[in-house]
Amino acid sequence: MSKIEDFAFYGASGSQYIFQVYPIGTEFKDIGGIYIFTRREINFRGGATHNLLYIGGTNSLPSRLTRLHHKWEAVFRNRGNCVCVYSEPHDLDRNRIENDLIHKYQPPLNKRLE
């Protein structure tokens, strides 16, 4: 499947991260990165909006973005239709970026049950 678009997400720090947006089910190269499951909708001006459902990081996109993902069913219950990918091979940077984005957007599927 081919890329839909590039989309900018901003962390709580104000840093901008340009993600590549793909339909859920896309197969990826074996690289590390940050991923965001979203529900992409077209707004009244013809532009896209993304409702962030879950943010995660991985050493291997193809091994993580499968039906075995622990949030896979919840993503579909919430009408998730895209996965946004930011390639970042370094663990420390990946963790920092993932936390920066989670802190800003607080996606519903990242919240822990109290």
C-alpha atoms as a PDB file:
ATOM      1  CA  MET A   1       0.000   0.000   0.000  1.00  0.00           C
ATOM      2  CA  SER A   2       1.254   3.447  -0.714  1.00  0.00           C
ATOM      3  CA  LYS A   3       1.771   6.479   1.462  1.00  0.00           C
ATOM      4  CA  ILE A   4      -1.271   8.734   1.823  1.00  0.00           C
ATOM      5  CA  GLU A   5       0.481  11.904   2.975  1.00  0.00           C
ATOM      6  CA  ASP A   6       3.027  13.482   5.285  1.00  0.00           C
ATOM      7  CA  PHE A   7       1.541  14.951   8.461  1.00  0.00           C
ATOM      8  CA  ALA A   8       3.063  17.100  11.217  1.00  0.00           C
ATOM      9  CA  PHE A   9       2.472  16.250  14.856  1.00  0.00           C
ATOM     10  CA  TYR A  10       3.841  18.431  17.648  1.00  0.00           C
ATOM     11  CA  GLY A  11       5.097  17.253  21.009  1.00  0.00           C
ATOM     12  CA  ALA A  12       4.467  18.890  24.380  1.00  0.00           C
ATOM     13  CA  SER A  13       7.966  20.368  23.986  1.00  0.00           C
ATOM     14  CA  GLY A  14       6.856  22.213  20.848  1.00  0.00           C
ATOM     15  CA  SER A  15       9.041  20.019  18.631  1.00  0.00           C
ATOM     16  CA  GLN A  16       7.592  19.149  15.236  1.00  0.00           C
ATOM     17  CA  TYR A  17       7.721  15.608  13.898  1.00  0.00           C
ATOM     18  CA  ILE A  18       6.803  14.846  10.296  1.00  0.00           C
ATOM     19  CA  PHE A  19       5.149  11.439  10.050  1.00  0.00           C
ATOM     20  CA  GLN A  20       4.395   9.435   6.941  1.00  0.00           C
ATOM     21  CA  VAL A  21       0.760   8.299   6.879  1.00  0.00           C
ATOM     22  CA  TYR A  22      -0.256   4.873   5.564  1.00  0.00           C
ATOM     23  CA  PRO A  23      -3.414   2.754   5.622  1.00  0.00           C
ATOM     24  CA  ILE A  24      -3.490   0.218   8.438  1.00  0.00           C
ATOM     25  CA  GLY A  25      -2.211  -3.081   7.093  1.00  0.00           C
ATOM     26  CA  THR A  26       0.721  -1.600   5.186  1.00  0.00           C
ATOM     27  CA  GLU A  27       3.883  -3.703   5.294  1.00  0.00           C
ATOM     28  CA  PHE A  28       7.026  -1.871   6.436  1.00  0.00           C
ATOM     29  CA  LYS A  29      10.764  -2.327   6.149  1.00  0.00           C
ATOM     30  CA  ASP A  30      12.468  -3.671   9.254  1.00  0.00           C
ATOM     31  CA  ILE A  31      13.376  -0.361  10.894  1.00  0.00           C
ATOM     32  CA  GLY A  32      12.727   1.201  14.265  1.00  0.00           C
ATOM     33  CA  GLY A  33      10.408   4.111  14.780  1.00  0.00           C
ATOM     34  CA  ILE A  34       7.457   5.782  16.404  1.00  0.00           C
ATOM     35  CA  TYR A  35       3.982   4.847  15.196  1.00  0.00           C
ATOM     36  CA  ILE A  36       0.581   6.388  15.797  1.00  0.00           C
ATOM     37  CA  PHE A  37      -2.706   4.629  15.104  1.00  0.00           C
ATOM     38  CA  THR A  38      -5.218   7.267  13.997  1.00  0.00           C
ATOM     39  CA  ARG A  39      -8.700   7.739  12.658  1.00  0.00           C
ATOM     40  CA  ARG A  40      -8.140   9.943   9.600  1.00  0.00           C
ATOM     41  CA  GLU A  41     -11.068  12.041   8.418  1.00  0.00           C
ATOM     42  CA  ILE A  42     -11.406  14.623   5.676  1.00  0.00           C
ATOM     43  CA  ASN A  43     -12.583  18.001   7.002  1.00  0.00           C
ATOM     44  CA  PHE A  44     -14.925  20.478   5.319  1.00  0.00           C
ATOM     45  CA  ARG A  45     -12.000  22.246   3.593  1.00  0.00           C
ATOM     46  CA  GLY A  46     -10.768  19.035   2.017  1.00  0.00           C
ATOM     47  CA  GLY A  47      -7.829  18.638   4.394  1.00  0.00           C
ATOM     48  CA  ALA A  48      -7.227  15.707   6.683  1.00  0.00           C
ATOM     49  CA  THR A  49      -7.519  15.550  10.449  1.00  0.00           C
ATOM     50  CA  HIS A  50      -6.161  12.748  12.596  1.00  0.00           C
ATOM     51  CA  ASN A  51      -7.741  11.598  15.825  1.00  0.00           C
ATOM     52  CA  LEU A  52      -4.872   9.961  17.681  1.00  0.00           C
ATOM     53  CA  LEU A  53      -5.782   6.616  19.216  1.00  0.00           C
ATOM     54  CA  TYR A  54      -2.472   5.105  20.315  1.00  0.00           C
ATOM     55  CA  ILE A  55       1.219   6.100  20.206  1.00  0.00           C
ATOM     56  CA  GLY A  56       4.013   3.561  20.463  1.00  0.00           C
ATOM     57  CA  GLY A  57       7.634   2.938  19.631  1.00  0.00           C
ATOM     58  CA  THR A  58       9.412  -0.143  18.363  1.00  0.00           C
ATOM     59  CA  ASN A  59      12.739  -1.517  17.180  1.00  0.00           C
ATOM     60  CA  SER A  60      10.949  -3.277  14.307  1.00  0.00           C
ATOM     61  CA  LEU A  61       7.901  -1.787  12.600  1.00  0.00           C
ATOM     62  CA  PRO A  62       6.916  -4.983  10.729  1.00  0.00           C
ATOM     63  CA  SER A  63       7.007  -7.158  13.845  1.00  0.00           C
ATOM     64  CA  ARG A  64       4.982  -4.654  15.898  1.00  0.00           C
ATOM     65  CA  LEU A  65       2.340  -3.448  13.431  1.00  0.00           C
ATOM     66  CA  THR A  66       0.415  -6.703  13.087  1.00  0.00           C
ATOM     67  CA  ARG A  67      -2.874  -8.146  14.250  1.00  0.00           C
ATOM     68  CA  LEU A  68      -0.960  -9.399  17.310  1.00  0.00           C
ATOM     69  CA  HIS A  69      -0.553  -5.825  18.616  1.00  0.00           C
ATOM     70  CA  HIS A  70      -2.164  -5.601  22.047  1.00  0.00           C
ATOM     71  CA  LYS A  71      -4.307  -2.594  20.978  1.00  0.00           C
ATOM     72  CA  TRP A  72      -5.256  -3.895  17.500  1.00  0.00           C
ATOM     73  CA  GLU A  73      -8.917  -4.684  18.336  1.00  0.00           C
ATOM     74  CA  ALA A  74      -9.367  -1.435  20.277  1.00  0.00           C
ATOM     75  CA  VAL A  75      -7.991   0.555  17.344  1.00  0.00           C
ATOM     76  CA  PHE A  76     -10.599  -0.976  15.045  1.00  0.00           C
ATOM     77  CA  ARG A  77     -13.404  -0.479  17.588  1.00  0.00           C
ATOM     78  CA  ASN A  78     -12.435   3.208  17.498  1.00  0.00           C
ATOM     79  CA  ARG A  79     -12.538   3.189  13.652  1.00  0.00           C
ATOM     80  CA  GLY A  80      -8.770   3.483  13.255  1.00  0.00           C
ATOM     81  CA  ASN A  81      -7.800   3.512   9.606  1.00  0.00           C
ATOM     82  CA  CYS A  82      -4.222   4.826   9.453  1.00  0.00           C
ATOM     83  CA  VAL A  83      -0.819   4.258  10.927  1.00  0.00           C
ATOM     84  CA  CYS A  84       1.533   7.239  10.980  1.00  0.00           C
ATOM     85  CA  VAL A  85       5.236   6.370  11.047  1.00  0.00           C
ATOM     86  CA  TYR A  86       8.289   8.386  12.096  1.00  0.00           C
ATOM     87  CA  SER A  87      11.522   6.535  11.430  1.00  0.00           C
ATOM     88  CA  GLU A  88      13.891   6.839  14.392  1.00  0.00           C
ATOM     89  CA  PRO A  89      16.528   4.146  14.843  1.00  0.00           C
ATOM     90  CA  HIS A  90      17.920   5.265  18.220  1.00  0.00           C
ATOM     91  CA  ASP A  91      16.239   3.940  21.364  1.00  0.00           C
ATOM     92  CA  LEU A  92      16.843   7.028  23.523  1.00  0.00           C
ATOM     93  CA  ASP A  93      15.519   9.432  20.901  1.00  0.00           C
ATOM     94  CA  ARG A  94      12.593   7.146  20.155  1.00  0.00           C
ATOM     95  CA  ASN A  95      11.591   7.008  23.837  1.00  0.00           C
ATOM     96  CA  ARG A  96      11.927  10.777  24.195  1.00  0.00           C
ATOM     97  CA  ILE A  97       9.797  11.466  21.111  1.00  0.00           C
ATOM     98  CA  GLU A  98       7.174   8.883  22.072  1.00  0.00           C
ATOM     99  CA  ASN A  99       6.819  10.423  25.562  1.00  0.00           C
ATOM    100  CA  ASP A 100       6.760  13.964  24.124  1.00  0.00           C
ATOM    101  CA  LEU A 101       3.844  13.059  21.848  1.00  0.00           C
ATOM    102  CA  ILE A 102       1.931  11.060  24.472  1.00  0.00           C
ATOM    103  CA  HIS A 103       2.244  13.941  26.927  1.00  0.00           C
ATOM    104  CA  LYS A 104       0.805  16.376  24.356  1.00  0.00           C
ATOM    105  CA  TYR A 105      -2.026  14.295  22.854  1.00  0.00           C
ATOM    106  CA  GLN A 106      -2.867  11.817  25.641  1.00  0.00           C
ATOM    107  CA  PRO A 107      -4.393   9.267  23.244  1.00  0.00           C
ATOM    108  CA  PRO A 108      -7.255   7.284  24.786  1.00  0.00           C
ATOM    109  CA  LEU A 109      -5.669   3.878  24.168  1.00  0.00           C
ATOM    110  CA  ASN A 110      -2.444   4.915  25.935  1.00  0.00           C
ATOM    111  CA  LYS A 111      -4.257   5.699  29.178  1.00  0.00           C
ATOM    112  CA  ARG A 112      -3.811   3.232  31.987  1.00  0.00           C
ATOM    113  CA  LEU A 113      -6.783   1.953  33.899  1.00  0.00           C
ATOM    114  CA  GLU A 114      -6.808   3.282  37.413  1.00  0.00           C
END
